[in-house]
């Protein structure tokens, strides 16, 4: 999936229960707040306009999320 804008990727990710588990939060609003706090931004738009904010998003959120086991709730069943 190609996301032209990082802000769009963040908006989609923050709606995902897998992303909530990754961030250890209980819902969309908390995930939005966590992403902003961890990346030191006030608005998602900064990810599209500020290369340093985009780099923090990649390093602190996107790459670790890719490596995160997305289906932890099913691990105990096997």
C-alpha atoms as a PDB file:
ATOM      1  CA  UNK A   1       0.000   0.000   0.000  1.00  0.00           C
ATOM      2  CA  UNK A   2       1.403   3.339  -0.976  1.00  0.00           C
ATOM      3  CA  UNK A   3       0.479   6.257   1.224  1.00  0.00           C
ATOM      4  CA  UNK A   4       1.258   9.559  -0.436  1.00  0.00           C
ATOM      5  CA  UNK A   5       0.790  11.489   2.795  1.00  0.00           C
ATOM      6  CA  UNK A   6       2.087  10.319   6.135  1.00  0.00           C
ATOM      7  CA  UNK A   7      -0.780  12.144   7.826  1.00  0.00           C
ATOM      8  CA  UNK A   8      -3.197   9.829   6.003  1.00  0.00           C
ATOM      9  CA  UNK A   9      -1.255   6.767   7.191  1.00  0.00           C
ATOM     10  CA  UNK A  10      -1.456   8.039  10.787  1.00  0.00           C
ATOM     11  CA  UNK A  11      -5.190   8.686  10.480  1.00  0.00           C
ATOM     12  CA  UNK A  12      -5.790   5.137   9.230  1.00  0.00           C
ATOM     13  CA  UNK A  13      -3.426   3.513  11.730  1.00  0.00           C
ATOM     14  CA  UNK A  14      -5.011   5.297  14.695  1.00  0.00           C
ATOM     15  CA  UNK A  15      -8.333   3.574  13.924  1.00  0.00           C
ATOM     16  CA  UNK A  16      -6.793   0.092  14.112  1.00  0.00           C
ATOM     17  CA  UNK A  17      -7.074  -2.097  17.224  1.00  0.00           C
ATOM     18  CA  UNK A  18      -3.708  -3.655  16.274  1.00  0.00           C
ATOM     19  CA  UNK A  19      -2.170  -0.173  16.396  1.00  0.00           C
ATOM     20  CA  UNK A  20      -3.813   0.450  19.775  1.00  0.00           C
ATOM     21  CA  UNK A  21      -2.205  -2.721  21.112  1.00  0.00           C
ATOM     22  CA  UNK A  22       1.150  -1.642  19.723  1.00  0.00           C
ATOM     23  CA  UNK A  23       0.867   1.742  21.459  1.00  0.00           C
ATOM     24  CA  UNK A  24      -0.702   0.136  24.554  1.00  0.00           C
ATOM     25  CA  UNK A  25      -3.756   2.408  24.462  1.00  0.00           C
ATOM     26  CA  UNK A  26      -7.467   1.680  24.523  1.00  0.00           C
ATOM     27  CA  UNK A  27      -8.785   3.613  21.553  1.00  0.00           C
ATOM     28  CA  UNK A  28      -8.439   5.995  18.646  1.00  0.00           C
ATOM     29  CA  UNK A  29      -8.175   9.252  20.596  1.00  0.00           C
ATOM     30  CA  UNK A  30      -5.469   7.867  22.874  1.00  0.00           C
ATOM     31  CA  UNK A  31      -3.538   6.572  19.875  1.00  0.00           C
ATOM     32  CA  UNK A  32      -3.658  10.015  18.250  1.00  0.00           C
ATOM     33  CA  UNK A  33      -2.356  11.582  21.458  1.00  0.00           C
ATOM     34  CA  UNK A  34       0.426   8.987  21.780  1.00  0.00           C
ATOM     35  CA  UNK A  35       1.635   9.468  18.215  1.00  0.00           C
ATOM     36  CA  UNK A  36       1.698  13.232  18.639  1.00  0.00           C
ATOM     37  CA  UNK A  37       3.515  12.993  21.985  1.00  0.00           C
ATOM     38  CA  UNK A  38       6.085  10.417  20.863  1.00  0.00           C
ATOM     39  CA  UNK A  39       6.849  12.319  17.674  1.00  0.00           C
ATOM     40  CA  UNK A  40       6.702  15.789  19.283  1.00  0.00           C
ATOM     41  CA  UNK A  41       4.139  17.237  16.888  1.00  0.00           C
ATOM     42  CA  UNK A  42       0.981  19.240  17.463  1.00  0.00           C
ATOM     43  CA  UNK A  43      -0.759  18.132  14.266  1.00  0.00           C
ATOM     44  CA  UNK A  44      -0.622  15.197  11.830  1.00  0.00           C
ATOM     45  CA  UNK A  45       0.016  17.709   9.035  1.00  0.00           C
ATOM     46  CA  UNK A  46       3.529  18.183  10.385  1.00  0.00           C
ATOM     47  CA  UNK A  47       4.399  14.680   9.147  1.00  0.00           C
ATOM     48  CA  UNK A  48       3.741  15.860   5.580  1.00  0.00           C
ATOM     49  CA  UNK A  49       5.551  19.189   5.875  1.00  0.00           C
ATOM     50  CA  UNK A  50       8.440  18.673   8.287  1.00  0.00           C
ATOM     51  CA  UNK A  51      11.156  16.167   7.293  1.00  0.00           C
ATOM     52  CA  UNK A  52      12.328  15.858  10.912  1.00  0.00           C
ATOM     53  CA  UNK A  53       8.794  14.982  12.066  1.00  0.00           C
ATOM     54  CA  UNK A  54       8.497  12.444   9.236  1.00  0.00           C
ATOM     55  CA  UNK A  55      11.802  10.868  10.263  1.00  0.00           C
ATOM     56  CA  UNK A  56      10.642  10.595  13.893  1.00  0.00           C
ATOM     57  CA  UNK A  57       7.406   8.966  12.749  1.00  0.00           C
ATOM     58  CA  UNK A  58       9.306   6.384  10.724  1.00  0.00           C
ATOM     59  CA  UNK A  59      11.868   5.656  13.428  1.00  0.00           C
ATOM     60  CA  UNK A  60       9.616   5.711  16.494  1.00  0.00           C
ATOM     61  CA  UNK A  61       6.288   4.456  15.132  1.00  0.00           C
ATOM     62  CA  UNK A  62       6.148   2.986  11.620  1.00  0.00           C
ATOM     63  CA  UNK A  63       9.203   0.718  11.646  1.00  0.00           C
ATOM     64  CA  UNK A  64       8.526  -0.681  15.141  1.00  0.00           C
ATOM     65  CA  UNK A  65       4.855  -1.188  14.206  1.00  0.00           C
ATOM     66  CA  UNK A  66       5.844  -3.213  11.145  1.00  0.00           C
ATOM     67  CA  UNK A  67       7.856  -5.516  13.425  1.00  0.00           C
ATOM     68  CA  UNK A  68       5.098  -5.735  16.052  1.00  0.00           C
ATOM     69  CA  UNK A  69       3.221  -9.079  16.174  1.00  0.00           C
ATOM     70  CA  UNK A  70      -0.208  -7.950  14.977  1.00  0.00           C
ATOM     71  CA  UNK A  71      -2.255 -10.913  16.083  1.00  0.00           C
ATOM     72  CA  UNK A  72      -1.216 -11.384  19.678  1.00  0.00           C
ATOM     73  CA  UNK A  73      -4.727 -12.220  20.839  1.00  0.00           C
ATOM     74  CA  UNK A  74      -4.626 -15.450  18.827  1.00  0.00           C
ATOM     75  CA  UNK A  75      -1.177 -16.625  19.974  1.00  0.00           C
ATOM     76  CA  UNK A  76      -2.548 -18.433  23.043  1.00  0.00           C
ATOM     77  CA  UNK A  77      -4.921 -20.545  20.961  1.00  0.00           C
ATOM     78  CA  UNK A  78      -2.123 -22.597  19.383  1.00  0.00           C
END
